[in-house]
Amino acid sequence: MALVNHRVDVPVTIDESLCIDGCTLCVDVCPLDSLAIDPQTDKAYMHVDECWYCGPCAARCPTGAVTINMPYLLR
């Protein structure tokens, strides 16, 4: 079996340094439940990589901690 030798990025990343402890705005508006709150850090993270970019997670983040990494945005 061959291994893939390239990096795969998830569609949405959360910058924990910008994420506010206990803030759930991006998690609350995600229709696919792709985002969750990490119980250890109390910050958001992407727990599944099934995102088709609807936009509310990035739009609702007050600090800009949510980054969208999709080359072709579906709107």
PDB file of N, CA and C in Angstrom:
ATOM      1  N   MET A   1       0.837  -1.167   0.000  1.00  0.00           N
ATOM      2  CA  MET A   1       0.000   0.000   0.000  1.00  0.00           C
ATOM      3  C   MET A   1       0.892   1.244   0.000  1.00  0.00           C
ATOM      4  N   ALA A   2       0.586   2.186  -0.857  1.00  0.00           N
ATOM      5  CA  ALA A   2       1.360   3.418  -0.959  1.00  0.00           C
ATOM      6  C   ALA A   2       0.772   4.488  -0.035  1.00  0.00           C
ATOM      7  N   LEU A   3       1.644   5.329   0.481  1.00  0.00           N
ATOM      8  CA  LEU A   3       1.214   6.436   1.314  1.00  0.00           C
ATOM      9  C   LEU A   3       1.185   7.711   0.497  1.00  0.00           C
ATOM     10  N   VAL A   4       0.288   8.603   0.850  1.00  0.00           N
ATOM     11  CA  VAL A   4       0.196   9.893   0.186  1.00  0.00           C
ATOM     12  C   VAL A   4       1.198  10.836   0.842  1.00  0.00           C
ATOM     13  N   ASN A   5       2.018  11.465   0.039  1.00  0.00           N
ATOM     14  CA  ASN A   5       3.071  12.327   0.562  1.00  0.00           C
ATOM     15  C   ASN A   5       2.767  13.807   0.404  1.00  0.00           C
ATOM     16  N   HIS A   6       1.550  14.219   0.714  1.00  0.00           N
ATOM     17  CA  HIS A   6       1.238  15.640   0.705  1.00  0.00           C
ATOM     18  C   HIS A   6       0.346  15.970   1.894  1.00  0.00           C
ATOM     19  N   ARG A   7       0.394  17.228   2.283  1.00  0.00           N
ATOM     20  CA  ARG A   7      -0.364  17.687   3.433  1.00  0.00           C
ATOM     21  C   ARG A   7      -1.813  17.941   3.040  1.00  0.00           C
ATOM     22  N   VAL A   8      -2.706  17.563   3.898  1.00  0.00           N
ATOM     23  CA  VAL A   8      -4.120  17.788   3.663  1.00  0.00           C
ATOM     24  C   VAL A   8      -4.612  18.796   4.701  1.00  0.00           C
ATOM     25  N   ASP A   9      -5.230  19.864   4.241  1.00  0.00           N
ATOM     26  CA  ASP A   9      -5.762  20.877   5.148  1.00  0.00           C
ATOM     27  C   ASP A   9      -7.247  20.640   5.378  1.00  0.00           C
ATOM     28  N   VAL A  10      -7.690  20.898   6.583  1.00  0.00           N
ATOM     29  CA  VAL A  10      -9.118  20.830   6.870  1.00  0.00           C
ATOM     30  C   VAL A  10      -9.760  22.107   6.358  1.00  0.00           C
ATOM     31  N   PRO A  11     -11.053  22.061   6.027  1.00  0.00           N
ATOM     32  CA  PRO A  11     -11.703  23.229   5.438  1.00  0.00           C
ATOM     33  C   PRO A  11     -11.775  24.448   6.360  1.00  0.00           C
ATOM     34  N   VAL A  12     -11.906  24.223   7.662  1.00  0.00           N
ATOM     35  CA  VAL A  12     -12.033  25.324   8.608  1.00  0.00           C
ATOM     36  C   VAL A  12     -11.018  25.122   9.730  1.00  0.00           C
ATOM     37  N   THR A  13     -10.282  26.169  10.055  1.00  0.00           N
ATOM     38  CA  THR A  13      -9.356  26.100  11.178  1.00  0.00           C
ATOM     39  C   THR A  13      -9.714  27.186  12.185  1.00  0.00           C
ATOM     40  N   ILE A  14      -9.426  26.903  13.442  1.00  0.00           N
ATOM     41  CA  ILE A  14      -9.673  27.848  14.521  1.00  0.00           C
ATOM     42  C   ILE A  14      -8.327  28.219  15.142  1.00  0.00           C
ATOM     43  N   ASP A  15      -8.020  29.493  15.184  1.00  0.00           N
ATOM     44  CA  ASP A  15      -6.803  29.968  15.826  1.00  0.00           C
ATOM     45  C   ASP A  15      -7.090  30.086  17.322  1.00  0.00           C
ATOM     46  N   GLU A  16      -6.557  29.143  18.101  1.00  0.00           N
ATOM     47  CA  GLU A  16      -6.852  29.115  19.535  1.00  0.00           C
ATOM     48  C   GLU A  16      -6.360  30.360  20.263  1.00  0.00           C
ATOM     49  N   SER A  17      -5.339  31.013  19.736  1.00  0.00           N
ATOM     50  CA  SER A  17      -4.856  32.221  20.403  1.00  0.00           C
ATOM     51  C   SER A  17      -5.852  33.370  20.281  1.00  0.00           C
ATOM     52  N   LEU A  18      -6.707  33.338  19.265  1.00  0.00           N
ATOM     53  CA  LEU A  18      -7.733  34.367  19.085  1.00  0.00           C
ATOM     54  C   LEU A  18      -9.082  33.948  19.646  1.00  0.00           C
ATOM     55  N   CYS A  19      -9.271  32.664  19.850  1.00  0.00           N
ATOM     56  CA  CYS A  19     -10.558  32.129  20.300  1.00  0.00           C
ATOM     57  C   CYS A  19     -10.803  32.526  21.760  1.00  0.00           C
ATOM     58  N   ILE A  20     -12.002  32.984  22.054  1.00  0.00           N
ATOM     59  CA  ILE A  20     -12.379  33.404  23.402  1.00  0.00           C
ATOM     60  C   ILE A  20     -12.850  32.179  24.185  1.00  0.00           C
ATOM     61  N   ASP A  21     -12.323  32.010  25.393  1.00  0.00           N
ATOM     62  CA  ASP A  21     -12.744  30.885  26.243  1.00  0.00           C
ATOM     63  C   ASP A  21     -14.252  30.916  26.455  1.00  0.00           C
ATOM     64  N   GLY A  22     -14.904  29.787  26.174  1.00  0.00           N
ATOM     65  CA  GLY A  22     -16.338  29.653  26.406  1.00  0.00           C
ATOM     66  C   GLY A  22     -17.234  30.220  25.322  1.00  0.00           C
ATOM     67  N   CYS A  23     -16.681  30.898  24.330  1.00  0.00           N
ATOM     68  CA  CYS A  23     -17.490  31.440  23.236  1.00  0.00           C
ATOM     69  C   CYS A  23     -17.975  30.288  22.363  1.00  0.00           C
ATOM     70  N   THR A  24     -19.251  30.259  22.039  1.00  0.00           N
ATOM     71  CA  THR A  24     -19.815  29.175  21.226  1.00  0.00           C
ATOM     72  C   THR A  24     -20.521  29.688  19.972  1.00  0.00           C
ATOM     73  N   LEU A  25     -20.286  30.928  19.570  1.00  0.00           N
ATOM     74  CA  LEU A  25     -21.001  31.496  18.424  1.00  0.00           C
ATOM     75  C   LEU A  25     -20.816  30.674  17.152  1.00  0.00           C
ATOM     76  N   CYS A  26     -19.585  30.316  16.819  1.00  0.00           N
ATOM     77  CA  CYS A  26     -19.347  29.567  15.580  1.00  0.00           C
ATOM     78  C   CYS A  26     -19.950  28.163  15.667  1.00  0.00           C
ATOM     79  N   VAL A  27     -19.876  27.551  16.829  1.00  0.00           N
ATOM     80  CA  VAL A  27     -20.424  26.207  17.015  1.00  0.00           C
ATOM     81  C   VAL A  27     -21.949  26.232  16.901  1.00  0.00           C
ATOM     82  N   ASP A  28     -22.573  27.248  17.473  1.00  0.00           N
ATOM     83  CA  ASP A  28     -24.032  27.350  17.475  1.00  0.00           C
ATOM     84  C   ASP A  28     -24.619  27.530  16.078  1.00  0.00           C
ATOM     85  N   VAL A  29     -23.914  28.210  15.185  1.00  0.00           N
ATOM     86  CA  VAL A  29     -24.467  28.484  13.857  1.00  0.00           C
ATOM     87  C   VAL A  29     -24.075  27.458  12.799  1.00  0.00           C
ATOM     88  N   CYS A  30     -23.232  26.493  13.134  1.00  0.00           N
ATOM     89  CA  CYS A  30     -22.784  25.498  12.156  1.00  0.00           C
ATOM     90  C   CYS A  30     -23.901  24.493  11.883  1.00  0.00           C
ATOM     91  N   PRO A  31     -24.449  24.460  10.667  1.00  0.00           N
ATOM     92  CA  PRO A  31     -25.555  23.548  10.371  1.00  0.00           C
ATOM     93  C   PRO A  31     -25.129  22.083  10.256  1.00  0.00           C
ATOM     94  N   LEU A  32     -23.846  21.828  10.028  1.00  0.00           N
ATOM     95  CA  LEU A  32     -23.368  20.456   9.895  1.00  0.00           C
ATOM     96  C   LEU A  32     -22.763  19.910  11.176  1.00  0.00           C
ATOM     97  N   ASP A  33     -22.740  20.707  12.233  1.00  0.00           N
ATOM     98  CA  ASP A  33     -22.117  20.320  13.496  1.00  0.00           C
ATOM     99  C   ASP A  33     -20.668  19.879  13.301  1.00  0.00           C
ATOM    100  N   SER A  34     -19.955  20.598  12.457  1.00  0.00           N
ATOM    101  CA  SER A  34     -18.544  20.301  12.210  1.00  0.00           C
ATOM    102  C   SER A  34     -17.644  20.856  13.301  1.00  0.00           C
ATOM    103  N   LEU A  35     -18.124  21.863  14.005  1.00  0.00           N
ATOM    104  CA  LEU A  35     -17.342  22.495  15.056  1.00  0.00           C
ATOM    105  C   LEU A  35     -17.832  22.039  16.421  1.00  0.00           C
ATOM    106  N   ALA A  36     -16.926  22.034  17.386  1.00  0.00           N
ATOM    107  CA  ALA A  36     -17.268  21.651  18.754  1.00  0.00           C
ATOM    108  C   ALA A  36     -16.380  22.420  19.713  1.00  0.00           C
ATOM    109  N   ILE A  37     -16.736  22.368  20.990  1.00  0.00           N
ATOM    110  CA  ILE A  37     -15.928  22.992  22.030  1.00  0.00           C
ATOM    111  C   ILE A  37     -15.084  21.914  22.693  1.00  0.00           C
ATOM    112  N   ASP A  38     -13.784  22.141  22.753  1.00  0.00           N
ATOM    113  CA  ASP A  38     -12.876  21.212  23.408  1.00  0.00           C
ATOM    114  C   ASP A  38     -13.055  21.353  24.915  1.00  0.00           C
ATOM    115  N   PRO A  39     -13.431  20.284  25.612  1.00  0.00           N
ATOM    116  CA  PRO A  39     -13.664  20.389  27.050  1.00  0.00           C
ATOM    117  C   PRO A  39     -12.410  20.715  27.859  1.00  0.00           C
ATOM    118  N   GLN A  40     -11.236  20.427  27.331  1.00  0.00           N
ATOM    119  CA  GLN A  40      -9.993  20.715  28.057  1.00  0.00           C
ATOM    120  C   GLN A  40      -9.565  22.176  27.925  1.00  0.00           C
ATOM    121  N   THR A  41      -9.710  22.742  26.726  1.00  0.00           N
ATOM    122  CA  THR A  41      -9.271  24.122  26.512  1.00  0.00           C
ATOM    123  C   THR A  41     -10.423  25.118  26.549  1.00  0.00           C
ATOM    124  N   ASP A  42     -11.666  24.633  26.434  1.00  0.00           N
ATOM    125  CA  ASP A  42     -12.874  25.468  26.412  1.00  0.00           C
ATOM    126  C   ASP A  42     -12.887  26.385  25.187  1.00  0.00           C
ATOM    127  N   LYS A  43     -12.246  25.922  24.097  1.00  0.00           N
ATOM    128  CA  LYS A  43     -12.202  26.688  22.857  1.00  0.00           C
ATOM    129  C   LYS A  43     -12.727  25.824  21.712  1.00  0.00           C
ATOM    130  N   ALA A  44     -13.136  26.478  20.629  1.00  0.00           N
ATOM    131  CA  ALA A  44     -13.712  25.781  19.483  1.00  0.00           C
ATOM    132  C   ALA A  44     -12.627  25.069  18.676  1.00  0.00           C
ATOM    133  N   TYR A  45     -13.022  23.984  18.033  1.00  0.00           N
ATOM    134  CA  TYR A  45     -12.143  23.288  17.092  1.00  0.00           C
ATOM    135  C   TYR A  45     -13.022  22.548  16.094  1.00  0.00           C
ATOM    136  N   MET A  46     -12.452  22.160  14.966  1.00  0.00           N
ATOM    137  CA  MET A  46     -13.187  21.419  13.952  1.00  0.00           C
ATOM    138  C   MET A  46     -13.015  19.937  14.228  1.00  0.00           C
ATOM    139  N   HIS A  47     -14.093  19.278  14.665  1.00  0.00           N
ATOM    140  CA  HIS A  47     -13.968  17.877  15.054  1.00  0.00           C
ATOM    141  C   HIS A  47     -14.285  16.905  13.929  1.00  0.00           C
ATOM    142  N   VAL A  48     -14.857  17.363  12.836  1.00  0.00           N
ATOM    143  CA  VAL A  48     -15.017  16.560  11.621  1.00  0.00           C
ATOM    144  C   VAL A  48     -14.656  17.444  10.435  1.00  0.00           C
ATOM    145  N   ASP A  49     -14.208  16.842   9.342  1.00  0.00           N
ATOM    146  CA  ASP A  49     -13.781  17.643   8.194  1.00  0.00           C
ATOM    147  C   ASP A  49     -14.815  17.701   7.083  1.00  0.00           C
ATOM    148  N   GLU A  50     -16.073  17.564   7.426  1.00  0.00           N
ATOM    149  CA  GLU A  50     -17.140  17.624   6.432  1.00  0.00           C
ATOM    150  C   GLU A  50     -17.774  19.009   6.450  1.00  0.00           C
ATOM    151  N   CYS A  51     -17.170  19.923   5.718  1.00  0.00           N
ATOM    152  CA  CYS A  51     -17.655  21.294   5.667  1.00  0.00           C
ATOM    153  C   CYS A  51     -17.824  21.694   4.212  1.00  0.00           C
ATOM    154  N   TRP A  52     -18.933  22.347   3.909  1.00  0.00           N
ATOM    155  CA  TRP A  52     -19.122  22.842   2.549  1.00  0.00           C
ATOM    156  C   TRP A  52     -19.191  24.359   2.538  1.00  0.00           C
ATOM    157  N   TYR A  53     -18.744  24.987   3.614  1.00  0.00           N
ATOM    158  CA  TYR A  53     -18.657  26.442   3.755  1.00  0.00           C
ATOM    159  C   TYR A  53     -19.962  27.155   3.471  1.00  0.00           C
ATOM    160  N   CYS A  54     -20.724  27.293   4.519  1.00  0.00           N
ATOM    161  CA  CYS A  54     -21.939  28.095   4.419  1.00  0.00           C
ATOM    162  C   CYS A  54     -21.699  29.509   4.898  1.00  0.00           C
ATOM    163  N   GLY A  55     -20.630  29.741   5.655  1.00  0.00           N
ATOM    164  CA  GLY A  55     -20.229  31.087   6.029  1.00  0.00           C
ATOM    165  C   GLY A  55     -20.549  31.594   7.415  1.00  0.00           C
ATOM    166  N   PRO A  56     -21.585  31.127   8.099  1.00  0.00           N
ATOM    167  CA  PRO A  56     -21.906  31.725   9.390  1.00  0.00           C
ATOM    168  C   PRO A  56     -20.810  31.599  10.438  1.00  0.00           C
ATOM    169  N   CYS A  57     -20.039  30.530  10.425  1.00  0.00           N
ATOM    170  CA  CYS A  57     -19.005  30.371  11.455  1.00  0.00           C
ATOM    171  C   CYS A  57     -17.984  31.492  11.363  1.00  0.00           C
ATOM    172  N   ALA A  58     -17.539  31.818  10.174  1.00  0.00           N
ATOM    173  CA  ALA A  58     -16.559  32.890  10.008  1.00  0.00           C
ATOM    174  C   ALA A  58     -17.196  34.253  10.238  1.00  0.00           C
ATOM    175  N   ALA A  59     -18.437  34.414   9.805  1.00  0.00           N
ATOM    176  CA  ALA A  59     -19.115  35.698   9.952  1.00  0.00           C
ATOM    177  C   ALA A  59     -19.453  36.019  11.401  1.00  0.00           C
ATOM    178  N   ARG A  60     -19.739  35.022  12.197  1.00  0.00           N
ATOM    179  CA  ARG A  60     -20.151  35.251  13.586  1.00  0.00           C
ATOM    180  C   ARG A  60     -18.987  35.373  14.557  1.00  0.00           C
ATOM    181  N   CYS A  61     -17.802  35.000  14.170  1.00  0.00           N
ATOM    182  CA  CYS A  61     -16.662  35.041  15.084  1.00  0.00           C
ATOM    183  C   CYS A  61     -16.256  36.498  15.343  1.00  0.00           C
ATOM    184  N   PRO A  62     -16.316  36.961  16.602  1.00  0.00           N
ATOM    185  CA  PRO A  62     -15.999  38.362  16.887  1.00  0.00           C
ATOM    186  C   PRO A  62     -14.507  38.688  16.832  1.00  0.00           C
ATOM    187  N   THR A  63     -13.647  37.679  16.866  1.00  0.00           N
ATOM    188  CA  THR A  63     -12.208  37.935  16.884  1.00  0.00           C
ATOM    189  C   THR A  63     -11.493  37.544  15.601  1.00  0.00           C
ATOM    190  N   GLY A  64     -12.189  36.932  14.652  1.00  0.00           N
ATOM    191  CA  GLY A  64     -11.553  36.487  13.414  1.00  0.00           C
ATOM    192  C   GLY A  64     -10.739  35.231  13.571  1.00  0.00           C
ATOM    193  N   ALA A  65     -11.084  34.411  14.558  1.00  0.00           N
ATOM    194  CA  ALA A  65     -10.336  33.184  14.819  1.00  0.00           C
ATOM    195  C   ALA A  65     -10.628  32.077  13.809  1.00  0.00           C
ATOM    196  N   VAL A  66     -11.733  32.196  13.078  1.00  0.00           N
ATOM    197  CA  VAL A  66     -12.135  31.165  12.115  1.00  0.00           C
ATOM    198  C   VAL A  66     -11.557  31.497  10.747  1.00  0.00           C
ATOM    199  N   THR A  67     -10.837  30.545  10.165  1.00  0.00           N
ATOM    200  CA  THR A  67     -10.258  30.708   8.827  1.00  0.00           C
ATOM    201  C   THR A  67     -10.821  29.636   7.912  1.00  0.00           C
ATOM    202  N   ILE A  68     -11.245  30.036   6.726  1.00  0.00           N
ATOM    203  CA  ILE A  68     -11.790  29.117   5.734  1.00  0.00           C
ATOM    204  C   ILE A  68     -10.681  28.779   4.746  1.00  0.00           C
ATOM    205  N   ASN A  69     -10.435  27.487   4.533  1.00  0.00           N
ATOM    206  CA  ASN A  69      -9.366  27.025   3.643  1.00  0.00           C
ATOM    207  C   ASN A  69      -9.930  26.209   2.483  1.00  0.00           C
ATOM    208  N   MET A  70     -10.855  26.786   1.754  1.00  0.00           N
ATOM    209  CA  MET A  70     -11.441  26.073   0.621  1.00  0.00           C
ATOM    210  C   MET A  70     -11.160  26.847  -0.646  1.00  0.00           C
ATOM    211  N   PRO A  71     -10.542  26.220  -1.643  1.00  0.00           N
ATOM    212  CA  PRO A  71     -10.215  26.947  -2.864  1.00  0.00           C
ATOM    213  C   PRO A  71     -11.434  27.336  -3.689  1.00  0.00           C
ATOM    214  N   TYR A  72     -12.455  26.539  -3.661  1.00  0.00           N
ATOM    215  CA  TYR A  72     -13.666  26.812  -4.417  1.00  0.00           C
ATOM    216  C   TYR A  72     -14.821  26.869  -3.444  1.00  0.00           C
ATOM    217  N   LEU A  73     -15.245  28.065  -3.131  1.00  0.00           N
ATOM    218  CA  LEU A  73     -16.297  28.239  -2.137  1.00  0.00           C
ATOM    219  C   LEU A  73     -17.661  27.974  -2.763  1.00  0.00           C
ATOM    220  N   LEU A  74     -18.422  27.161  -2.110  1.00  0.00           N
ATOM    221  CA  LEU A  74     -19.781  26.872  -2.540  1.00  0.00           C
ATOM    222  C   LEU A  74     -20.718  27.817  -1.810  1.00  0.00           C
ATOM    223  N   ARG A  75     -21.480  28.556  -2.541  1.00  0.00           N
ATOM    224  CA  ARG A  75     -22.405  29.513  -1.904  1.00  0.00           C
ATOM    225  C   ARG A  75     -23.792  29.298  -2.413  1.00  0.00           C
TER     226      ARG A  75
END
